Amino acid sequence: MVEIQTPDDVVGPIYQTLTQRRGIVIGEEPIAGTPLVQMKAHLPVGESFGFTQTLRANTSGRAFPQCVFSHFEEMSGDPLEVGSKSNEIVESIRKRKGLKPGVPLLENFIDKL
């Protein structure tokens, strides 16, 4: 979860930045008596690295985000389907850990008699 306090004239670049990082805005409400808006959005942890710097660059330093862990959510897509987002994540993790590319087949783990 990311909570962002910002002036209401830079809401557009915030939506753009969140969309680029698979974020979903779940709430936007004005702060009474001020020209500020309080936004709440869900942002995947993997996409949150460097988010603050990108957001500040896109809003000329006028947005103030605070990231807090909220929940786990199952990713859509099939990690075995080449080209899917879940497959890209699995492949990048396997590469980072020094494992062979490609998800191993189930037959590799079954004892053959």
PDB file of N, CA and C in Angstrom:
ATOM      1  N   MET A   1       0.850  -1.161   0.000  1.00  0.00           N
ATOM      2  CA  MET A   1       0.000   0.000   0.000  1.00  0.00           C
ATOM      3  C   MET A   1       0.898   1.226   0.000  1.00  0.00           C
ATOM      4  N   VAL A   2       0.558   2.164  -0.825  1.00  0.00           N
ATOM      5  CA  VAL A   2       1.276   3.433  -0.834  1.00  0.00           C
ATOM      6  C   VAL A   2       0.258   4.548  -0.604  1.00  0.00           C
ATOM      7  N   GLU A   3       0.572   5.420   0.348  1.00  0.00           N
ATOM      8  CA  GLU A   3      -0.258   6.580   0.627  1.00  0.00           C
ATOM      9  C   GLU A   3       0.509   7.802   0.143  1.00  0.00           C
ATOM     10  N   ILE A   4      -0.151   8.641  -0.646  1.00  0.00           N
ATOM     11  CA  ILE A   4       0.510   9.788  -1.253  1.00  0.00           C
ATOM     12  C   ILE A   4      -0.264  11.048  -0.912  1.00  0.00           C
ATOM     13  N   GLN A   5       0.429  12.035  -0.365  1.00  0.00           N
ATOM     14  CA  GLN A   5      -0.144  13.360  -0.166  1.00  0.00           C
ATOM     15  C   GLN A   5       0.440  14.263  -1.231  1.00  0.00           C
ATOM     16  N   THR A   6      -0.434  14.974  -1.933  1.00  0.00           N
ATOM     17  CA  THR A   6       0.022  15.773  -3.058  1.00  0.00           C
ATOM     18  C   THR A   6      -0.944  16.917  -3.347  1.00  0.00           C
ATOM     19  N   PRO A   7      -0.475  17.994  -3.965  1.00  0.00           N
ATOM     20  CA  PRO A   7      -1.402  19.015  -4.450  1.00  0.00           C
ATOM     21  C   PRO A   7      -2.280  18.429  -5.544  1.00  0.00           C
ATOM     22  N   ASP A   8      -3.498  18.933  -5.658  1.00  0.00           N
ATOM     23  CA  ASP A   8      -4.450  18.340  -6.603  1.00  0.00           C
ATOM     24  C   ASP A   8      -4.079  18.550  -8.071  1.00  0.00           C
ATOM     25  N   ASP A   9      -3.150  19.451  -8.387  1.00  0.00           N
ATOM     26  CA  ASP A   9      -2.787  19.674  -9.782  1.00  0.00           C
ATOM     27  C   ASP A   9      -1.744  18.688 -10.322  1.00  0.00           C
ATOM     28  N   VAL A  10      -1.216  17.799  -9.489  1.00  0.00           N
ATOM     29  CA  VAL A  10      -0.246  16.803  -9.971  1.00  0.00           C
ATOM     30  C   VAL A  10      -0.777  15.370  -9.837  1.00  0.00           C
ATOM     31  N   VAL A  11      -2.092  15.231  -9.781  1.00  0.00           N
ATOM     32  CA  VAL A  11      -2.687  13.897  -9.666  1.00  0.00           C
ATOM     33  C   VAL A  11      -2.469  13.086 -10.946  1.00  0.00           C
ATOM     34  N   GLY A  12      -2.507  13.743 -12.104  1.00  0.00           N
ATOM     35  CA  GLY A  12      -2.312  13.050 -13.387  1.00  0.00           C
ATOM     36  C   GLY A  12      -0.991  12.304 -13.476  1.00  0.00           C
ATOM     37  N   PRO A  13       0.145  12.966 -13.197  1.00  0.00           N
ATOM     38  CA  PRO A  13       1.427  12.249 -13.243  1.00  0.00           C
ATOM     39  C   PRO A  13       1.520  11.110 -12.223  1.00  0.00           C
ATOM     40  N   ILE A  14       0.795  11.221 -11.121  1.00  0.00           N
ATOM     41  CA  ILE A  14       0.796  10.138 -10.125  1.00  0.00           C
ATOM     42  C   ILE A  14       0.092   8.908 -10.705  1.00  0.00           C
ATOM     43  N   TYR A  15      -1.068   9.109 -11.336  1.00  0.00           N
ATOM     44  CA  TYR A  15      -1.768   7.993 -11.982  1.00  0.00           C
ATOM     45  C   TYR A  15      -0.870   7.349 -13.039  1.00  0.00           C
ATOM     46  N   GLN A  16      -0.175   8.184 -13.822  1.00  0.00           N
ATOM     47  CA  GLN A  16       0.698   7.661 -14.872  1.00  0.00           C
ATOM     48  C   GLN A  16       1.827   6.818 -14.274  1.00  0.00           C
ATOM     49  N   THR A  17       2.442   7.307 -13.205  1.00  0.00           N
ATOM     50  CA  THR A  17       3.544   6.582 -12.562  1.00  0.00           C
ATOM     51  C   THR A  17       3.050   5.264 -11.975  1.00  0.00           C
ATOM     52  N   LEU A  18       1.886   5.280 -11.332  1.00  0.00           N
ATOM     53  CA  LEU A  18       1.328   4.054 -10.755  1.00  0.00           C
ATOM     54  C   LEU A  18       0.975   3.046 -11.847  1.00  0.00           C
ATOM     55  N   THR A  19       0.411   3.516 -12.951  1.00  0.00           N
ATOM     56  CA  THR A  19       0.034   2.618 -14.040  1.00  0.00           C
ATOM     57  C   THR A  19       1.254   1.936 -14.646  1.00  0.00           C
ATOM     58  N   GLN A  20       2.351   2.674 -14.792  1.00  0.00           N
ATOM     59  CA  GLN A  20       3.581   2.106 -15.352  1.00  0.00           C
ATOM     60  C   GLN A  20       4.131   0.996 -14.462  1.00  0.00           C
ATOM     61  N   ARG A  21       3.812   1.044 -13.165  1.00  0.00           N
ATOM     62  CA  ARG A  21       4.345   0.063 -12.213  1.00  0.00           C
ATOM     63  C   ARG A  21       3.274  -0.900 -11.692  1.00  0.00           C
ATOM     64  N   ARG A  22       2.220  -1.098 -12.457  1.00  0.00           N
ATOM     65  CA  ARG A  22       1.130  -2.027 -12.130  1.00  0.00           C
ATOM     66  C   ARG A  22       0.424  -1.667 -10.820  1.00  0.00           C
ATOM     67  N   GLY A  23       0.406  -0.393 -10.463  1.00  0.00           N
ATOM     68  CA  GLY A  23      -0.286   0.062  -9.261  1.00  0.00           C
ATOM     69  C   GLY A  23      -1.762   0.295  -9.538  1.00  0.00           C
ATOM     70  N   ILE A  24      -2.580   0.162  -8.504  1.00  0.00           N
ATOM     71  CA  ILE A  24      -4.020   0.354  -8.618  1.00  0.00           C
ATOM     72  C   ILE A  24      -4.465   1.344  -7.547  1.00  0.00           C
ATOM     73  N   VAL A  25      -5.020   2.480  -7.982  1.00  0.00           N
ATOM     74  CA  VAL A  25      -5.511   3.478  -7.038  1.00  0.00           C
ATOM     75  C   VAL A  25      -6.796   2.961  -6.412  1.00  0.00           C
ATOM     76  N   ILE A  26      -6.852   2.953  -5.071  1.00  0.00           N
ATOM     77  CA  ILE A  26      -8.045   2.462  -4.373  1.00  0.00           C
ATOM     78  C   ILE A  26      -8.800   3.576  -3.661  1.00  0.00           C
ATOM     79  N   GLY A  27      -8.207   4.760  -3.594  1.00  0.00           N
ATOM     80  CA  GLY A  27      -8.896   5.865  -2.954  1.00  0.00           C
ATOM     81  C   GLY A  27      -8.216   7.184  -3.213  1.00  0.00           C
ATOM     82  N   GLU A  28      -9.036   8.210  -3.338  1.00  0.00           N
ATOM     83  CA  GLU A  28      -8.521   9.559  -3.547  1.00  0.00           C
ATOM     84  C   GLU A  28      -9.508  10.513  -2.896  1.00  0.00           C
ATOM     85  N   GLU A  29      -9.064  11.228  -1.883  1.00  0.00           N
ATOM     86  CA  GLU A  29      -9.965  12.160  -1.210  1.00  0.00           C
ATOM     87  C   GLU A  29      -9.227  13.448  -0.860  1.00  0.00           C
ATOM     88  N   PRO A  30      -9.908  14.577  -1.003  1.00  0.00           N
ATOM     89  CA  PRO A  30      -9.278  15.856  -0.676  1.00  0.00           C
ATOM     90  C   PRO A  30      -9.117  16.014   0.837  1.00  0.00           C
ATOM     91  N   ILE A  31      -8.073  16.727   1.239  1.00  0.00           N
ATOM     92  CA  ILE A  31      -7.855  17.031   2.647  1.00  0.00           C
ATOM     93  C   ILE A  31      -8.532  18.376   2.904  1.00  0.00           C
ATOM     94  N   ALA A  32      -9.502  18.388   3.788  1.00  0.00           N
ATOM     95  CA  ALA A  32     -10.337  19.568   4.024  1.00  0.00           C
ATOM     96  C   ALA A  32      -9.498  20.791   4.393  1.00  0.00           C
ATOM     97  N   GLY A  33      -9.832  21.918   3.750  1.00  0.00           N
ATOM     98  CA  GLY A  33      -9.187  23.179   4.070  1.00  0.00           C
ATOM     99  C   GLY A  33      -7.824  23.381   3.440  1.00  0.00           C
ATOM    100  N   THR A  34      -7.393  22.442   2.597  1.00  0.00           N
ATOM    101  CA  THR A  34      -6.087  22.548   1.939  1.00  0.00           C
ATOM    102  C   THR A  34      -6.244  22.190   0.463  1.00  0.00           C
ATOM    103  N   PRO A  35      -5.279  22.572  -0.363  1.00  0.00           N
ATOM    104  CA  PRO A  35      -5.330  22.156  -1.777  1.00  0.00           C
ATOM    105  C   PRO A  35      -4.699  20.776  -1.994  1.00  0.00           C
ATOM    106  N   LEU A  36      -4.598  19.978  -0.927  1.00  0.00           N
ATOM    107  CA  LEU A  36      -3.945  18.669  -1.006  1.00  0.00           C
ATOM    108  C   LEU A  36      -4.950  17.543  -1.195  1.00  0.00           C
ATOM    109  N   VAL A  37      -4.466  16.463  -1.754  1.00  0.00           N
ATOM    110  CA  VAL A  37      -5.250  15.242  -1.960  1.00  0.00           C
ATOM    111  C   VAL A  37      -4.504  14.094  -1.298  1.00  0.00           C
ATOM    112  N   GLN A  38      -5.236  13.224  -0.611  1.00  0.00           N
ATOM    113  CA  GLN A  38      -4.670  12.004  -0.017  1.00  0.00           C
ATOM    114  C   GLN A  38      -5.068  10.846  -0.922  1.00  0.00           C
ATOM    115  N   MET A  39      -4.081  10.183  -1.517  1.00  0.00           N
ATOM    116  CA  MET A  39      -4.341   9.044  -2.402  1.00  0.00           C
ATOM    117  C   MET A  39      -3.844   7.772  -1.740  1.00  0.00           C
ATOM    118  N   LYS A  40      -4.562   6.671  -1.989  1.00  0.00           N
ATOM    119  CA  LYS A  40      -4.128   5.353  -1.532  1.00  0.00           C
ATOM    120  C   LYS A  40      -4.129   4.432  -2.742  1.00  0.00           C
ATOM    121  N   ALA A  41      -3.098   3.616  -2.838  1.00  0.00           N
ATOM    122  CA  ALA A  41      -2.981   2.702  -3.974  1.00  0.00           C
ATOM    123  C   ALA A  41      -2.282   1.425  -3.538  1.00  0.00           C
ATOM    124  N   HIS A  42      -2.586   0.346  -4.238  1.00  0.00           N
ATOM    125  CA  HIS A  42      -1.860  -0.904  -4.045  1.00  0.00           C
ATOM    126  C   HIS A  42      -0.766  -0.950  -5.099  1.00  0.00           C
ATOM    127  N   LEU A  43       0.452  -1.257  -4.647  1.00  0.00           N
ATOM    128  CA  LEU A  43       1.621  -1.303  -5.522  1.00  0.00           C
ATOM    129  C   LEU A  43       2.384  -2.590  -5.222  1.00  0.00           C
ATOM    130  N   PRO A  44       2.632  -3.433  -6.243  1.00  0.00           N
ATOM    131  CA  PRO A  44       3.397  -4.656  -5.991  1.00  0.00           C
ATOM    132  C   PRO A  44       4.780  -4.339  -5.420  1.00  0.00           C
ATOM    133  N   VAL A  45       5.233  -5.152  -4.481  1.00  0.00           N
ATOM    134  CA  VAL A  45       6.527  -4.912  -3.820  1.00  0.00           C
ATOM    135  C   VAL A  45       7.658  -4.861  -4.853  1.00  0.00           C
ATOM    136  N   GLY A  46       7.641  -5.754  -5.807  1.00  0.00           N
ATOM    137  CA  GLY A  46       8.701  -5.776  -6.815  1.00  0.00           C
ATOM    138  C   GLY A  46       8.760  -4.506  -7.636  1.00  0.00           C
ATOM    139  N   GLU A  47       7.644  -3.817  -7.764  1.00  0.00           N
ATOM    140  CA  GLU A  47       7.585  -2.579  -8.539  1.00  0.00           C
ATOM    141  C   GLU A  47       7.860  -1.353  -7.670  1.00  0.00           C
ATOM    142  N   SER A  48       7.954  -1.551  -6.361  1.00  0.00           N
ATOM    143  CA  SER A  48       8.105  -0.404  -5.460  1.00  0.00           C
ATOM    144  C   SER A  48       9.545   0.098  -5.349  1.00  0.00           C
ATOM    145  N   PHE A  49      10.509  -0.703  -5.785  1.00  0.00           N
ATOM    146  CA  PHE A  49      11.909  -0.275  -5.705  1.00  0.00           C
ATOM    147  C   PHE A  49      12.145   0.868  -6.691  1.00  0.00           C
ATOM    148  N   GLY A  50      12.562   2.010  -6.187  1.00  0.00           N
ATOM    149  CA  GLY A  50      12.781   3.186  -7.024  1.00  0.00           C
ATOM    150  C   GLY A  50      11.523   3.992  -7.291  1.00  0.00           C
ATOM    151  N   PHE A  51      10.397   3.563  -6.715  1.00  0.00           N
ATOM    152  CA  PHE A  51       9.119   4.245  -6.960  1.00  0.00           C
ATOM    153  C   PHE A  51       9.147   5.686  -6.454  1.00  0.00           C
ATOM    154  N   THR A  52       9.679   5.905  -5.260  1.00  0.00           N
ATOM    155  CA  THR A  52       9.692   7.246  -4.677  1.00  0.00           C
ATOM    156  C   THR A  52      10.459   8.216  -5.562  1.00  0.00           C
ATOM    157  N   GLN A  53      11.620   7.807  -6.048  1.00  0.00           N
ATOM    158  CA  GLN A  53      12.424   8.680  -6.894  1.00  0.00           C
ATOM    159  C   GLN A  53      11.700   8.984  -8.204  1.00  0.00           C
ATOM    160  N   THR A  54      11.096   7.970  -8.811  1.00  0.00           N
ATOM    161  CA  THR A  54      10.373   8.169 -10.062  1.00  0.00           C
ATOM    162  C   THR A  54       9.177   9.093  -9.859  1.00  0.00           C
ATOM    163  N   LEU A  55       8.448   8.867  -8.772  1.00  0.00           N
ATOM    164  CA  LEU A  55       7.274   9.698  -8.488  1.00  0.00           C
ATOM    165  C   LEU A  55       7.676  11.152  -8.263  1.00  0.00           C
ATOM    166  N   ARG A  56       8.715  11.356  -7.495  1.00  0.00           N
ATOM    167  CA  ARG A  56       9.163  12.731  -7.238  1.00  0.00           C
ATOM    168  C   ARG A  56       9.654  13.388  -8.528  1.00  0.00           C
ATOM    169  N   ALA A  57      10.326  12.633  -9.390  1.00  0.00           N
ATOM    170  CA  ALA A  57      10.790  13.187 -10.669  1.00  0.00           C
ATOM    171  C   ALA A  57       9.599  13.572 -11.551  1.00  0.00           C
ATOM    172  N   ASN A  58       8.564  12.726 -11.590  1.00  0.00           N
ATOM    173  CA  ASN A  58       7.402  12.983 -12.437  1.00  0.00           C
ATOM    174  C   ASN A  58       6.497  14.091 -11.905  1.00  0.00           C
ATOM    175  N   THR A  59       6.612  14.411 -10.614  1.00  0.00           N
ATOM    176  CA  THR A  59       5.760  15.444 -10.016  1.00  0.00           C
ATOM    177  C   THR A  59       6.580  16.657  -9.566  1.00  0.00           C
ATOM    178  N   SER A  60       7.799  16.752  -9.999  1.00  0.00           N
ATOM    179  CA  SER A  60       8.704  17.848  -9.605  1.00  0.00           C
ATOM    180  C   SER A  60       8.840  17.956  -8.095  1.00  0.00           C
ATOM    181  N   GLY A  61       8.838  16.831  -7.414  1.00  0.00           N
ATOM    182  CA  GLY A  61       9.037  16.801  -5.964  1.00  0.00           C
ATOM    183  C   GLY A  61       7.836  17.223  -5.147  1.00  0.00           C
ATOM    184  N   ARG A  62       6.650  17.241  -5.763  1.00  0.00           N
ATOM    185  CA  ARG A  62       5.464  17.736  -5.067  1.00  0.00           C
ATOM    186  C   ARG A  62       4.595  16.627  -4.486  1.00  0.00           C
ATOM    187  N   ALA A  63       4.960  15.381  -4.680  1.00  0.00           N
ATOM    188  CA  ALA A  63       4.211  14.257  -4.114  1.00  0.00           C
ATOM    189  C   ALA A  63       5.030  13.626  -2.996  1.00  0.00           C
ATOM    190  N   PHE A  64       4.352  13.255  -1.926  1.00  0.00           N
ATOM    191  CA  PHE A  64       5.029  12.690  -0.759  1.00  0.00           C
ATOM    192  C   PHE A  64       4.454  11.308  -0.452  1.00  0.00           C
ATOM    193  N   PRO A  65       5.108  10.249  -0.957  1.00  0.00           N
ATOM    194  CA  PRO A  65       4.596   8.892  -0.762  1.00  0.00           C
ATOM    195  C   PRO A  65       5.109   8.250   0.522  1.00  0.00           C
ATOM    196  N   GLN A  66       4.311   7.327   1.023  1.00  0.00           N
ATOM    197  CA  GLN A  66       4.727   6.495   2.149  1.00  0.00           C
ATOM    198  C   GLN A  66       4.263   5.077   1.846  1.00  0.00           C
ATOM    199  N   CYS A  67       5.201   4.148   1.768  1.00  0.00           N
ATOM    200  CA  CYS A  67       4.880   2.752   1.454  1.00  0.00           C
ATOM    201  C   CYS A  67       4.802   1.930   2.731  1.00  0.00           C
ATOM    202  N   VAL A  68       3.767   1.093   2.809  1.00  0.00           N
ATOM    203  CA  VAL A  68       3.542   0.221   3.956  1.00  0.00           C
ATOM    204  C   VAL A  68       3.071  -1.123   3.416  1.00  0.00           C
ATOM    205  N   PHE A  69       3.576  -2.231   3.994  1.00  0.00           N
ATOM    206  CA  PHE A  69       3.097  -3.535   3.551  1.00  0.00           C
ATOM    207  C   PHE A  69       1.630  -3.685   3.929  1.00  0.00           C
ATOM    208  N   SER A  70       0.835  -4.164   2.984  1.00  0.00           N
ATOM    209  CA  SER A  70      -0.601  -4.286   3.204  1.00  0.00           C
ATOM    210  C   SER A  70      -1.067  -5.735   3.199  1.00  0.00           C
ATOM    211  N   HIS A  71      -0.775  -6.466   2.116  1.00  0.00           N
ATOM    212  CA  HIS A  71      -1.297  -7.825   1.989  1.00  0.00           C
ATOM    213  C   HIS A  71      -0.574  -8.569   0.864  1.00  0.00           C
ATOM    214  N   PHE A  72      -0.812  -9.864   0.833  1.00  0.00           N
ATOM    215  CA  PHE A  72      -0.360 -10.697  -0.271  1.00  0.00           C
ATOM    216  C   PHE A  72      -1.516 -10.838  -1.240  1.00  0.00           C
ATOM    217  N   GLU A  73      -1.208 -10.979  -2.507  1.00  0.00           N
ATOM    218  CA  GLU A  73      -2.239 -11.203  -3.508  1.00  0.00           C
ATOM    219  C   GLU A  73      -1.667 -12.138  -4.571  1.00  0.00           C
ATOM    220  N   GLU A  74      -2.454 -13.112  -4.980  1.00  0.00           N
ATOM    221  CA  GLU A  74      -2.009 -14.057  -5.997  1.00  0.00           C
ATOM    222  C   GLU A  74      -1.902 -13.347  -7.341  1.00  0.00           C
ATOM    223  N   MET A  75      -0.811 -13.621  -8.044  1.00  0.00           N
ATOM    224  CA  MET A  75      -0.605 -13.022  -9.355  1.00  0.00           C
ATOM    225  C   MET A  75      -1.403 -13.767 -10.401  1.00  0.00           C
ATOM    226  N   SER A  76      -1.960 -13.034 -11.326  1.00  0.00           N
ATOM    227  CA  SER A  76      -2.673 -13.684 -12.411  1.00  0.00           C
ATOM    228  C   SER A  76      -1.672 -14.143 -13.466  1.00  0.00           C
ATOM    229  N   GLY A  77      -2.084 -15.057 -14.290  1.00  0.00           N
ATOM    230  CA  GLY A  77      -1.211 -15.544 -15.348  1.00  0.00           C
ATOM    231  C   GLY A  77      -0.564 -16.868 -14.978  1.00  0.00           C
ATOM    232  N   ASP A  78      -0.056 -17.524 -15.992  1.00  0.00           N
ATOM    233  CA  ASP A  78       0.566 -18.835 -15.835  1.00  0.00           C
ATOM    234  C   ASP A  78       2.080 -18.694 -15.941  1.00  0.00           C
ATOM    235  N   PRO A  79       2.830 -19.075 -14.897  1.00  0.00           N
ATOM    236  CA  PRO A  79       4.287 -18.949 -14.971  1.00  0.00           C
ATOM    237  C   PRO A  79       4.926 -19.860 -16.014  1.00  0.00           C
ATOM    238  N   LEU A  80       4.185 -20.840 -16.515  1.00  0.00           N
ATOM    239  CA  LEU A  80       4.710 -21.735 -17.546  1.00  0.00           C
ATOM    240  C   LEU A  80       4.471 -21.176 -18.952  1.00  0.00           C
ATOM    241  N   GLU A  81       3.630 -20.158 -19.077  1.00  0.00           N
ATOM    242  CA  GLU A  81       3.315 -19.564 -20.379  1.00  0.00           C
ATOM    243  C   GLU A  81       4.386 -18.532 -20.727  1.00  0.00           C
ATOM    244  N   VAL A  82       5.165 -18.823 -21.752  1.00  0.00           N
ATOM    245  CA  VAL A  82       6.262 -17.942 -22.155  1.00  0.00           C
ATOM    246  C   VAL A  82       5.688 -16.590 -22.576  1.00  0.00           C
ATOM    247  N   GLY A  83       6.273 -15.525 -22.022  1.00  0.00           N
ATOM    248  CA  GLY A  83       5.843 -14.174 -22.370  1.00  0.00           C
ATOM    249  C   GLY A  83       4.893 -13.545 -21.370  1.00  0.00           C
ATOM    250  N   SER A  84       4.337 -14.335 -20.446  1.00  0.00           N
ATOM    251  CA  SER A  84       3.432 -13.761 -19.450  1.00  0.00           C
ATOM    252  C   SER A  84       4.243 -13.032 -18.380  1.00  0.00           C
ATOM    253  N   LYS A  85       3.609 -12.098 -17.673  1.00  0.00           N
ATOM    254  CA  LYS A  85       4.315 -11.332 -16.645  1.00  0.00           C
ATOM    255  C   LYS A  85       4.817 -12.256 -15.542  1.00  0.00           C
ATOM    256  N   SER A  86       4.008 -13.242 -15.147  1.00  0.00           N
ATOM    257  CA  SER A  86       4.450 -14.163 -14.096  1.00  0.00           C
ATOM    258  C   SER A  86       5.646 -14.993 -14.568  1.00  0.00           C
ATOM    259  N   ASN A  87       5.696 -15.338 -15.856  1.00  0.00           N
ATOM    260  CA  ASN A  87       6.835 -16.071 -16.400  1.00  0.00           C
ATOM    261  C   ASN A  87       8.091 -15.205 -16.392  1.00  0.00           C
ATOM    262  N   GLU A  88       7.942 -13.923 -16.722  1.00  0.00           N
ATOM    263  CA  GLU A  88       9.086 -13.006 -16.698  1.00  0.00           C
ATOM    264  C   GLU A  88       9.665 -12.902 -15.289  1.00  0.00           C
ATOM    265  N   ILE A  89       8.802 -12.844 -14.288  1.00  0.00           N
ATOM    266  CA  ILE A  89       9.261 -12.735 -12.899  1.00  0.00           C
ATOM    267  C   ILE A  89       9.988 -14.009 -12.475  1.00  0.00           C
ATOM    268  N   VAL A  90       9.419 -15.170 -12.821  1.00  0.00           N
ATOM    269  CA  VAL A  90      10.051 -16.447 -12.481  1.00  0.00           C
ATOM    270  C   VAL A  90      11.424 -16.540 -13.157  1.00  0.00           C
ATOM    271  N   GLU A  91      11.490 -16.156 -14.420  1.00  0.00           N
ATOM    272  CA  GLU A  91      12.761 -16.226 -15.151  1.00  0.00           C
ATOM    273  C   GLU A  91      13.804 -15.290 -14.541  1.00  0.00           C
ATOM    274  N   SER A  92      13.393 -14.075 -14.145  1.00  0.00           N
ATOM    275  CA  SER A  92      14.361 -13.148 -13.551  1.00  0.00           C
ATOM    276  C   SER A  92      14.854 -13.653 -12.193  1.00  0.00           C
ATOM    277  N   ILE A  93      13.980 -14.303 -11.426  1.00  0.00           N
ATOM    278  CA  ILE A  93      14.395 -14.869 -10.134  1.00  0.00           C
ATOM    279  C   ILE A  93      15.368 -16.024 -10.357  1.00  0.00           C
ATOM    280  N   ARG A  94      15.052 -16.903 -11.328  1.00  0.00           N
ATOM    281  CA  ARG A  94      15.943 -18.034 -11.609  1.00  0.00           C
ATOM    282  C   ARG A  94      17.313 -17.543 -12.082  1.00  0.00           C
ATOM    283  N   LYS A  95      17.334 -16.480 -12.882  1.00  0.00           N
ATOM    284  CA  LYS A  95      18.600 -15.922 -13.362  1.00  0.00           C
ATOM    285  C   LYS A  95      19.391 -15.325 -12.198  1.00  0.00           C
ATOM    286  N   ARG A  96      18.699 -14.570 -11.322  1.00  0.00           N
ATOM    287  CA  ARG A  96      19.365 -13.941 -10.181  1.00  0.00           C
ATOM    288  C   ARG A  96      19.972 -14.983  -9.251  1.00  0.00           C
ATOM    289  N   LYS A  97      19.306 -16.142  -9.119  1.00  0.00           N
ATOM    290  CA  LYS A  97      19.794 -17.187  -8.218  1.00  0.00           C
ATOM    291  C   LYS A  97      20.768 -18.151  -8.892  1.00  0.00           C
ATOM    292  N   GLY A  98      21.055 -17.931 -10.175  1.00  0.00           N
ATOM    293  CA  GLY A  98      22.021 -18.767 -10.874  1.00  0.00           C
ATOM    294  C   GLY A  98      21.460 -20.116 -11.299  1.00  0.00           C
ATOM    295  N   LEU A  99      20.148 -20.235 -11.436  1.00  0.00           N
ATOM    296  CA  LEU A  99      19.527 -21.488 -11.864  1.00  0.00           C
ATOM    297  C   LEU A  99      19.377 -21.508 -13.381  1.00  0.00           C
ATOM    298  N   LYS A 100      19.176 -22.696 -13.923  1.00  0.00           N
ATOM    299  CA  LYS A 100      18.983 -22.836 -15.364  1.00  0.00           C
ATOM    300  C   LYS A 100      17.711 -22.101 -15.781  1.00  0.00           C
ATOM    301  N   PRO A 101      17.722 -21.499 -16.980  1.00  0.00           N
ATOM    302  CA  PRO A 101      16.500 -20.843 -17.453  1.00  0.00           C
ATOM    303  C   PRO A 101      15.411 -21.868 -17.732  1.00  0.00           C
ATOM    304  N   GLY A 102      14.168 -21.458 -17.596  1.00  0.00           N
ATOM    305  CA  GLY A 102      13.038 -22.347 -17.844  1.00  0.00           C
ATOM    306  C   GLY A 102      12.625 -23.076 -16.585  1.00  0.00           C
ATOM    307  N   VAL A 103      11.336 -23.213 -16.421  1.00  0.00           N
ATOM    308  CA  VAL A 103      10.803 -23.930 -15.260  1.00  0.00           C
ATOM    309  C   VAL A 103      10.981 -25.421 -15.511  1.00  0.00           C
ATOM    310  N   PRO A 104      11.593 -26.140 -14.569  1.00  0.00           N
ATOM    311  CA  PRO A 104      11.818 -27.573 -14.790  1.00  0.00           C
ATOM    312  C   PRO A 104      10.504 -28.347 -14.851  1.00  0.00           C
ATOM    313  N   LEU A 105      10.516 -29.410 -15.620  1.00  0.00           N
ATOM    314  CA  LEU A 105       9.333 -30.257 -15.753  1.00  0.00           C
ATOM    315  C   LEU A 105       9.160 -31.130 -14.517  1.00  0.00           C
ATOM    316  N   LEU A 106       7.948 -31.540 -14.261  1.00  0.00           N
ATOM    317  CA  LEU A 106       7.636 -32.383 -13.117  1.00  0.00           C
ATOM    318  C   LEU A 106       8.401 -33.708 -13.196  1.00  0.00           C
ATOM    319  N   GLU A 107       8.606 -34.205 -14.406  1.00  0.00           N
ATOM    320  CA  GLU A 107       9.312 -35.474 -14.588  1.00  0.00           C
ATOM    321  C   GLU A 107      10.725 -35.432 -14.015  1.00  0.00           C
ATOM    322  N   ASN A 108      11.313 -34.283 -13.884  1.00  0.00           N
ATOM    323  CA  ASN A 108      12.664 -34.168 -13.348  1.00  0.00           C
ATOM    324  C   ASN A 108      12.708 -34.505 -11.852  1.00  0.00           C
ATOM    325  N   PHE A 109      11.564 -34.494 -11.183  1.00  0.00           N
ATOM    326  CA  PHE A 109      11.530 -34.701  -9.737  1.00  0.00           C
ATOM    327  C   PHE A 109      10.920 -36.030  -9.322  1.00  0.00           C
ATOM    328  N   ILE A 110      10.412 -36.779 -10.279  1.00  0.00           N
ATOM    329  CA  ILE A 110       9.792 -38.070  -9.981  1.00  0.00           C
ATOM    330  C   ILE A 110      10.853 -39.162 -10.149  1.00  0.00           C
ATOM    331  N   ASP A 111      10.973 -40.016  -9.138  1.00  0.00           N
ATOM    332  CA  ASP A 111      11.913 -41.143  -9.221  1.00  0.00           C
ATOM    333  C   ASP A 111      11.441 -42.103 -10.289  1.00  0.00           C
ATOM    334  N   LYS A 112      12.340 -42.449 -11.166  1.00  0.00           N
ATOM    335  CA  LYS A 112      12.008 -43.377 -12.255  1.00  0.00           C
ATOM    336  C   LYS A 112      12.396 -44.782 -11.809  1.00  0.00           C
ATOM    337  N   LEU A 113      11.465 -45.691 -11.940  1.00  0.00           N
ATOM    338  CA  LEU A 113      11.693 -47.060 -11.510  1.00  0.00           C
ATOM    339  C   LEU A 113      12.209 -47.930 -12.629  1.00  0.00           C
TER     340      LEU A 113
END
